[in-house]
Amino acid sequence: MNVVSSRLRGEAGVTLLELLVSVALVSVILSGVAALLIRNSAINRTQQLVSETQSNARNSLSIIVQALRSSGWDPRDTDFAPVVVDPDLGDTVSIATINSDFSGDGDIDDPDEAISIRHTNGRIEWRKSATDPYTILAVDVSNDADGNGTVEPMFVYDNPSDPTRVTVQITTVSPIPDPISGTLVRHTVSSNVVLRNKL
């Protein structure tokens, strides 16, 4: 009996205190890993929001600039305005109509010859002829580059009565706040376009 009892006393075991310390250490390590994973997830979401916001702005700008660069195509010299300027430059709706006689028939009544583009209610809309309904080109467009709540015009003309140069500025925002900063991600792009007057 003495041999068995001394053998039991000599065997290594885990005390309750050692077990509690081990559980506490594992808990601290797992908490750190979980915090790291949550932080990485937030960083990834932020990068995704930035990428989506930039892509939205760039794609919209590319389409609008391409339309503006083709404005004024007038092979019959019928002398229409390349761009019809927004009649009310002071309101929050920014609109321009881009005219081109691609068919060469002397008018701008065919599809894609009088394209209207407008910024209203947080989106960019366009239509390819006066009879078409507006369709959405881009959403989450604030045109508020500095975030002060004032909507800036999408089109700025060198001379509103007879423009020869148009600056297009688009500011997009993320649909949800950035998980790290808690604010909306903003991205502003702009381009200056010289209008064509004659063929």
Foldseek 3Di string as FASTA:
>chain_A
DVVVVVVVVPDDDADPVNVVVVVVVVVVVVVVVVVVVVVVVLVVVLVVLQVVQVVLQVVVQVVVQVLQQQFQAAPPPLQDAQKQADPCQPDLKGKIWGAHDPVNPRDQQDFQGTKMWIDDDQFIWIGRHPPDDIDTPGGQWQCPQVPPNDRHHQWDAPDNVRGQKIKGKIKGWGPAARPVPRHIDIDMDIDMHGGDNYD
